[in-house]
């Protein structure tokens, strides 16, 4: 069983075939994950997008995930990882079930 955040993220990638997996703080600071060319901007904007969605839907219900369809068949999935984290995944498939499991596994580490 994985014991560190890095191990959990790497295990998730191995199981799903996701291209990139990143964990950031709610303030947009990179915590762990894959390198991206625009790491700081990606981290900050992932947190901002999730926060904006949560604010916009506060009276309706909690945000489970945000999915952005990207060119060339890619998807960006953003979801909360407890009260302090944001998970962002770039993949060609929607891995919601696996992502929900990863969120649970990260709860004790964040």
N, C-alpha and C. Protein backbone atom coordinates (compact mmCIF):
# COMPACT_ATOMS: atom_id res chain seq x y z
N UNK A 1 0.83 -1.19 0.00
CA UNK A 1 0.00 0.00 0.00
C UNK A 1 0.88 1.26 0.00
N UNK A 2 0.48 2.23 -0.77
CA UNK A 2 1.23 3.48 -0.85
C UNK A 2 1.16 4.23 0.47
N UNK A 3 2.26 4.86 0.83
CA UNK A 3 2.31 5.56 2.11
C UNK A 3 2.58 7.05 1.98
N UNK A 4 3.02 7.49 0.82
CA UNK A 4 3.29 8.92 0.63
C UNK A 4 2.38 9.47 -0.47
N UNK A 5 2.28 10.78 -0.51
CA UNK A 5 1.48 11.43 -1.54
C UNK A 5 2.03 11.06 -2.92
N UNK A 6 3.33 11.13 -3.08
CA UNK A 6 3.96 10.80 -4.37
C UNK A 6 3.59 9.37 -4.80
N UNK A 7 3.68 8.42 -3.87
CA UNK A 7 3.35 7.02 -4.19
C UNK A 7 1.88 6.88 -4.59
N UNK A 8 0.99 7.58 -3.92
CA UNK A 8 -0.43 7.52 -4.26
C UNK A 8 -0.68 8.07 -5.66
N UNK A 9 -0.05 9.19 -5.97
CA UNK A 9 -0.23 9.79 -7.30
C UNK A 9 0.35 8.90 -8.39
N UNK A 10 1.52 8.32 -8.15
CA UNK A 10 2.14 7.43 -9.13
C UNK A 10 1.31 6.16 -9.33
N UNK A 11 0.76 5.64 -8.24
CA UNK A 11 -0.11 4.46 -8.33
C UNK A 11 -1.36 4.78 -9.15
N UNK A 12 -1.94 5.94 -8.91
CA UNK A 12 -3.12 6.38 -9.67
C UNK A 12 -2.80 6.43 -11.17
N UNK A 13 -1.67 7.03 -11.51
CA UNK A 13 -1.28 7.12 -12.92
C UNK A 13 -1.08 5.74 -13.53
N UNK A 14 -0.44 4.85 -12.79
CA UNK A 14 -0.18 3.49 -13.30
C UNK A 14 -1.49 2.74 -13.55
N UNK A 15 -2.47 2.92 -12.65
CA UNK A 15 -3.75 2.21 -12.78
C UNK A 15 -4.63 2.77 -13.89
N UNK A 16 -4.54 4.09 -14.11
CA UNK A 16 -5.49 4.73 -15.02
C UNK A 16 -4.89 5.11 -16.38
N UNK A 17 -3.59 5.26 -16.44
CA UNK A 17 -2.97 5.74 -17.67
C UNK A 17 -3.09 7.25 -17.83
N UNK A 18 -3.42 7.97 -16.76
CA UNK A 18 -3.50 9.43 -16.82
C UNK A 18 -2.16 10.01 -17.23
N UNK A 19 -2.20 11.11 -17.96
CA UNK A 19 -0.99 11.76 -18.44
C UNK A 19 -0.29 12.54 -17.31
N UNK A 20 -1.06 13.34 -16.59
CA UNK A 20 -0.52 14.19 -15.53
C UNK A 20 -1.46 14.17 -14.34
N UNK A 21 -0.86 14.15 -13.15
CA UNK A 21 -1.63 14.23 -11.91
C UNK A 21 -0.90 15.21 -11.00
N UNK A 22 -1.64 16.18 -10.49
CA UNK A 22 -1.05 17.23 -9.67
C UNK A 22 -1.92 17.47 -8.44
N UNK A 23 -1.28 17.61 -7.30
CA UNK A 23 -1.96 17.98 -6.06
C UNK A 23 -1.48 19.37 -5.69
N UNK A 24 -2.42 20.29 -5.49
CA UNK A 24 -2.08 21.66 -5.11
C UNK A 24 -2.87 22.04 -3.86
N UNK A 25 -2.43 23.08 -3.21
CA UNK A 25 -3.15 23.58 -2.04
C UNK A 25 -4.34 24.41 -2.51
N UNK A 26 -5.25 24.67 -1.59
CA UNK A 26 -6.41 25.51 -1.91
C UNK A 26 -5.98 26.93 -2.28
N UNK A 27 -4.78 27.32 -1.87
CA UNK A 27 -4.27 28.64 -2.23
C UNK A 27 -3.53 28.62 -3.56
N UNK A 28 -3.44 27.45 -4.19
CA UNK A 28 -2.84 27.36 -5.50
C UNK A 28 -1.36 27.03 -5.54
N UNK A 29 -0.81 26.61 -4.43
CA UNK A 29 0.61 26.26 -4.38
C UNK A 29 0.78 24.78 -4.71
N UNK A 30 1.75 24.48 -5.58
CA UNK A 30 2.06 23.10 -5.95
C UNK A 30 2.49 22.33 -4.71
N UNK A 31 1.93 21.14 -4.51
CA UNK A 31 2.33 20.27 -3.40
C UNK A 31 3.13 19.08 -3.92
N UNK A 32 2.57 18.36 -4.89
CA UNK A 32 3.23 17.15 -5.40
C UNK A 32 2.62 16.78 -6.73
N UNK A 33 3.38 16.07 -7.53
CA UNK A 33 2.84 15.57 -8.79
C UNK A 33 3.79 15.77 -9.95
N UNK A 34 3.22 15.69 -11.12
CA UNK A 34 3.99 15.78 -12.36
C UNK A 34 4.40 17.21 -12.67
N UNK A 35 5.53 17.32 -13.35
CA UNK A 35 6.00 18.63 -13.81
C UNK A 35 5.19 19.06 -15.03
N UNK A 36 4.90 20.33 -15.08
CA UNK A 36 4.22 20.95 -16.22
C UNK A 36 5.02 22.17 -16.64
N UNK A 37 4.93 22.53 -17.90
CA UNK A 37 5.66 23.71 -18.38
C UNK A 37 5.24 24.97 -17.63
N UNK A 38 3.99 25.10 -17.35
CA UNK A 38 3.45 26.28 -16.66
C UNK A 38 2.96 25.91 -15.26
N UNK A 39 3.82 25.25 -14.50
CA UNK A 39 3.46 24.66 -13.19
C UNK A 39 2.76 25.65 -12.25
N UNK A 40 3.33 26.82 -12.06
CA UNK A 40 2.75 27.78 -11.13
C UNK A 40 1.37 28.26 -11.58
N UNK A 41 1.25 28.57 -12.86
CA UNK A 41 -0.03 29.04 -13.39
C UNK A 41 -1.07 27.93 -13.33
N UNK A 42 -0.70 26.73 -13.74
CA UNK A 42 -1.62 25.59 -13.71
C UNK A 42 -2.11 25.34 -12.28
N UNK A 43 -1.19 25.34 -11.33
CA UNK A 43 -1.56 25.09 -9.93
C UNK A 43 -2.52 26.15 -9.42
N UNK A 44 -2.18 27.41 -9.64
CA UNK A 44 -3.02 28.50 -9.15
C UNK A 44 -4.39 28.48 -9.80
N UNK A 45 -4.44 28.28 -11.10
CA UNK A 45 -5.71 28.32 -11.81
C UNK A 45 -6.59 27.12 -11.47
N UNK A 46 -6.00 25.97 -11.22
CA UNK A 46 -6.80 24.81 -10.81
C UNK A 46 -7.52 25.10 -9.50
N UNK A 47 -6.81 25.69 -8.55
CA UNK A 47 -7.43 26.05 -7.27
C UNK A 47 -8.49 27.13 -7.45
N UNK A 48 -8.21 28.10 -8.30
CA UNK A 48 -9.17 29.18 -8.53
C UNK A 48 -10.43 28.66 -9.19
N UNK A 49 -10.30 27.81 -10.19
CA UNK A 49 -11.47 27.27 -10.89
C UNK A 49 -12.35 26.47 -9.93
N UNK A 50 -11.73 25.63 -9.10
CA UNK A 50 -12.52 24.87 -8.14
C UNK A 50 -13.20 25.79 -7.13
N UNK A 51 -12.47 26.76 -6.62
CA UNK A 51 -13.05 27.71 -5.67
C UNK A 51 -14.20 28.50 -6.26
N UNK A 52 -14.05 28.91 -7.51
CA UNK A 52 -15.12 29.67 -8.18
C UNK A 52 -16.36 28.79 -8.37
N UNK A 53 -16.17 27.56 -8.76
CA UNK A 53 -17.31 26.65 -8.94
C UNK A 53 -18.01 26.40 -7.61
N UNK A 54 -17.23 26.23 -6.55
CA UNK A 54 -17.82 26.00 -5.23
C UNK A 54 -18.61 27.21 -4.77
N UNK A 55 -18.10 28.40 -5.02
CA UNK A 55 -18.80 29.63 -4.64
C UNK A 55 -20.09 29.79 -5.44
N UNK A 56 -20.00 29.52 -6.75
CA UNK A 56 -21.16 29.69 -7.62
C UNK A 56 -22.29 28.71 -7.31
N UNK A 57 -21.94 27.55 -6.79
CA UNK A 57 -22.96 26.51 -6.56
C UNK A 57 -23.25 26.28 -5.08
N UNK A 58 -22.78 27.15 -4.21
CA UNK A 58 -22.92 26.96 -2.77
C UNK A 58 -24.37 26.73 -2.34
N UNK A 59 -25.31 27.41 -2.97
CA UNK A 59 -26.72 27.28 -2.59
C UNK A 59 -27.36 26.03 -3.20
N UNK A 60 -26.69 25.40 -4.14
CA UNK A 60 -27.25 24.25 -4.84
C UNK A 60 -26.74 22.94 -4.27
N UNK A 61 -25.44 22.87 -4.03
CA UNK A 61 -24.83 21.64 -3.52
C UNK A 61 -23.32 21.66 -3.74
N UNK A 62 -22.66 20.67 -3.18
CA UNK A 62 -21.21 20.59 -3.26
C UNK A 62 -20.75 20.19 -4.66
N UNK A 63 -19.64 20.74 -5.08
CA UNK A 63 -19.04 20.40 -6.37
C UNK A 63 -18.32 19.06 -6.21
N UNK A 64 -18.65 18.10 -7.08
CA UNK A 64 -17.95 16.82 -7.06
C UNK A 64 -16.70 16.87 -7.91
N UNK A 65 -16.85 17.36 -9.14
CA UNK A 65 -15.70 17.45 -10.04
C UNK A 65 -16.02 18.47 -11.13
N UNK A 66 -14.97 18.97 -11.72
CA UNK A 66 -15.06 19.84 -12.88
C UNK A 66 -14.33 19.11 -14.00
N UNK A 67 -14.96 19.01 -15.15
CA UNK A 67 -14.32 18.36 -16.30
C UNK A 67 -14.26 19.37 -17.44
N UNK A 68 -13.06 19.58 -17.95
CA UNK A 68 -12.84 20.48 -19.08
C UNK A 68 -12.38 19.63 -20.25
N UNK A 69 -13.10 19.69 -21.36
CA UNK A 69 -12.69 18.97 -22.56
C UNK A 69 -11.66 19.82 -23.29
N UNK A 70 -10.53 19.20 -23.61
CA UNK A 70 -9.41 19.89 -24.25
C UNK A 70 -9.20 19.29 -25.64
N UNK A 71 -8.59 20.04 -26.51
CA UNK A 71 -8.29 19.55 -27.86
C UNK A 71 -7.52 18.24 -27.81
N UNK A 72 -7.58 17.53 -28.92
CA UNK A 72 -6.87 16.27 -29.11
C UNK A 72 -7.34 15.17 -28.17
N UNK A 73 -8.57 15.31 -27.66
CA UNK A 73 -9.17 14.24 -26.86
C UNK A 73 -8.80 14.21 -25.40
N UNK A 74 -8.15 15.25 -24.90
CA UNK A 74 -7.77 15.28 -23.49
C UNK A 74 -8.88 15.88 -22.64
N UNK A 75 -8.85 15.51 -21.36
CA UNK A 75 -9.76 16.06 -20.36
C UNK A 75 -8.93 16.55 -19.17
N UNK A 76 -9.36 17.65 -18.59
CA UNK A 76 -8.80 18.12 -17.32
C UNK A 76 -9.89 17.92 -16.29
N UNK A 77 -9.58 17.13 -15.26
CA UNK A 77 -10.53 16.90 -14.17
C UNK A 77 -9.97 17.56 -12.91
N UNK A 78 -10.78 18.37 -12.27
CA UNK A 78 -10.39 19.06 -11.05
C UNK A 78 -11.40 18.71 -9.96
N UNK A 79 -10.89 18.37 -8.78
CA UNK A 79 -11.76 18.03 -7.66
C UNK A 79 -11.06 18.37 -6.36
N UNK A 80 -11.82 18.48 -5.30
CA UNK A 80 -11.22 18.75 -3.99
C UNK A 80 -10.52 17.50 -3.47
N UNK A 81 -9.53 17.74 -2.65
CA UNK A 81 -8.85 16.65 -1.94
C UNK A 81 -8.85 17.05 -0.47
N UNK A 82 -9.96 16.85 0.16
CA UNK A 82 -10.12 17.29 1.54
C UNK A 82 -10.30 18.79 1.61
N UNK A 83 -10.11 19.34 2.79
CA UNK A 83 -10.29 20.78 2.99
C UNK A 83 -9.10 21.60 2.54
N UNK A 84 -7.96 20.94 2.35
CA UNK A 84 -6.73 21.69 2.04
C UNK A 84 -6.17 21.48 0.65
N UNK A 85 -6.72 20.51 -0.10
CA UNK A 85 -6.11 20.18 -1.37
C UNK A 85 -7.03 20.21 -2.56
N UNK A 86 -6.41 20.29 -3.73
CA UNK A 86 -7.09 20.26 -5.02
C UNK A 86 -6.33 19.27 -5.90
N UNK A 87 -7.04 18.33 -6.48
CA UNK A 87 -6.44 17.38 -7.42
C UNK A 87 -6.78 17.80 -8.84
N UNK A 88 -5.77 17.79 -9.70
CA UNK A 88 -5.98 18.09 -11.12
C UNK A 88 -5.37 16.94 -11.92
N UNK A 89 -6.15 16.39 -12.84
CA UNK A 89 -5.71 15.24 -13.63
C UNK A 89 -5.94 15.56 -15.11
N UNK A 90 -4.92 15.31 -15.91
CA UNK A 90 -5.04 15.42 -17.36
C UNK A 90 -4.97 14.01 -17.92
N UNK A 91 -6.00 13.66 -18.69
CA UNK A 91 -6.10 12.30 -19.21
C UNK A 91 -6.98 12.28 -20.45
N UNK A 92 -6.98 11.16 -21.13
CA UNK A 92 -7.86 11.00 -22.28
C UNK A 92 -9.20 10.39 -21.87
N UNK A 93 -9.32 9.93 -20.62
CA UNK A 93 -10.56 9.32 -20.13
C UNK A 93 -10.99 9.98 -18.82
N UNK A 94 -12.26 9.83 -18.52
CA UNK A 94 -12.78 10.31 -17.24
C UNK A 94 -12.56 9.21 -16.21
N UNK A 95 -11.73 9.48 -15.24
CA UNK A 95 -11.37 8.49 -14.22
C UNK A 95 -12.04 8.80 -12.88
N UNK A 96 -13.31 9.18 -12.90
CA UNK A 96 -13.95 9.64 -11.67
C UNK A 96 -13.92 8.60 -10.55
N UNK A 97 -14.21 7.35 -10.84
CA UNK A 97 -14.23 6.34 -9.77
C UNK A 97 -12.86 6.19 -9.13
N UNK A 98 -11.82 6.14 -9.95
CA UNK A 98 -10.47 6.02 -9.42
C UNK A 98 -10.04 7.30 -8.69
N UNK A 99 -10.49 8.44 -9.21
CA UNK A 99 -10.16 9.72 -8.59
C UNK A 99 -10.83 9.85 -7.22
N UNK A 100 -12.06 9.38 -7.11
CA UNK A 100 -12.75 9.39 -5.81
C UNK A 100 -12.00 8.53 -4.80
N UNK A 101 -11.48 7.41 -5.23
CA UNK A 101 -10.69 6.55 -4.34
C UNK A 101 -9.40 7.25 -3.92
N UNK A 102 -8.74 7.91 -4.86
CA UNK A 102 -7.51 8.64 -4.55
C UNK A 102 -7.78 9.75 -3.53
N UNK A 103 -8.90 10.44 -3.67
CA UNK A 103 -9.26 11.49 -2.71
C UNK A 103 -9.33 10.92 -1.29
N UNK A 104 -9.95 9.77 -1.15
CA UNK A 104 -10.07 9.12 0.16
C UNK A 104 -8.70 8.75 0.72
N UNK A 105 -7.85 8.23 -0.14
CA UNK A 105 -6.52 7.81 0.31
C UNK A 105 -5.66 8.99 0.73
N UNK A 106 -5.90 10.14 0.13
CA UNK A 106 -5.10 11.33 0.45
C UNK A 106 -5.55 12.03 1.72
N UNK A 107 -6.76 11.78 2.17
CA UNK A 107 -7.30 12.49 3.33
C UNK A 107 -6.36 12.50 4.54
N UNK A 108 -5.75 11.38 4.84
CA UNK A 108 -4.89 11.29 6.01
C UNK A 108 -3.51 11.91 5.80
N UNK A 109 -3.17 12.20 4.55
CA UNK A 109 -1.82 12.71 4.26
C UNK A 109 -1.77 14.22 4.04
N UNK A 110 -2.92 14.83 3.80
CA UNK A 110 -2.93 16.26 3.50
C UNK A 110 -3.23 17.05 4.77
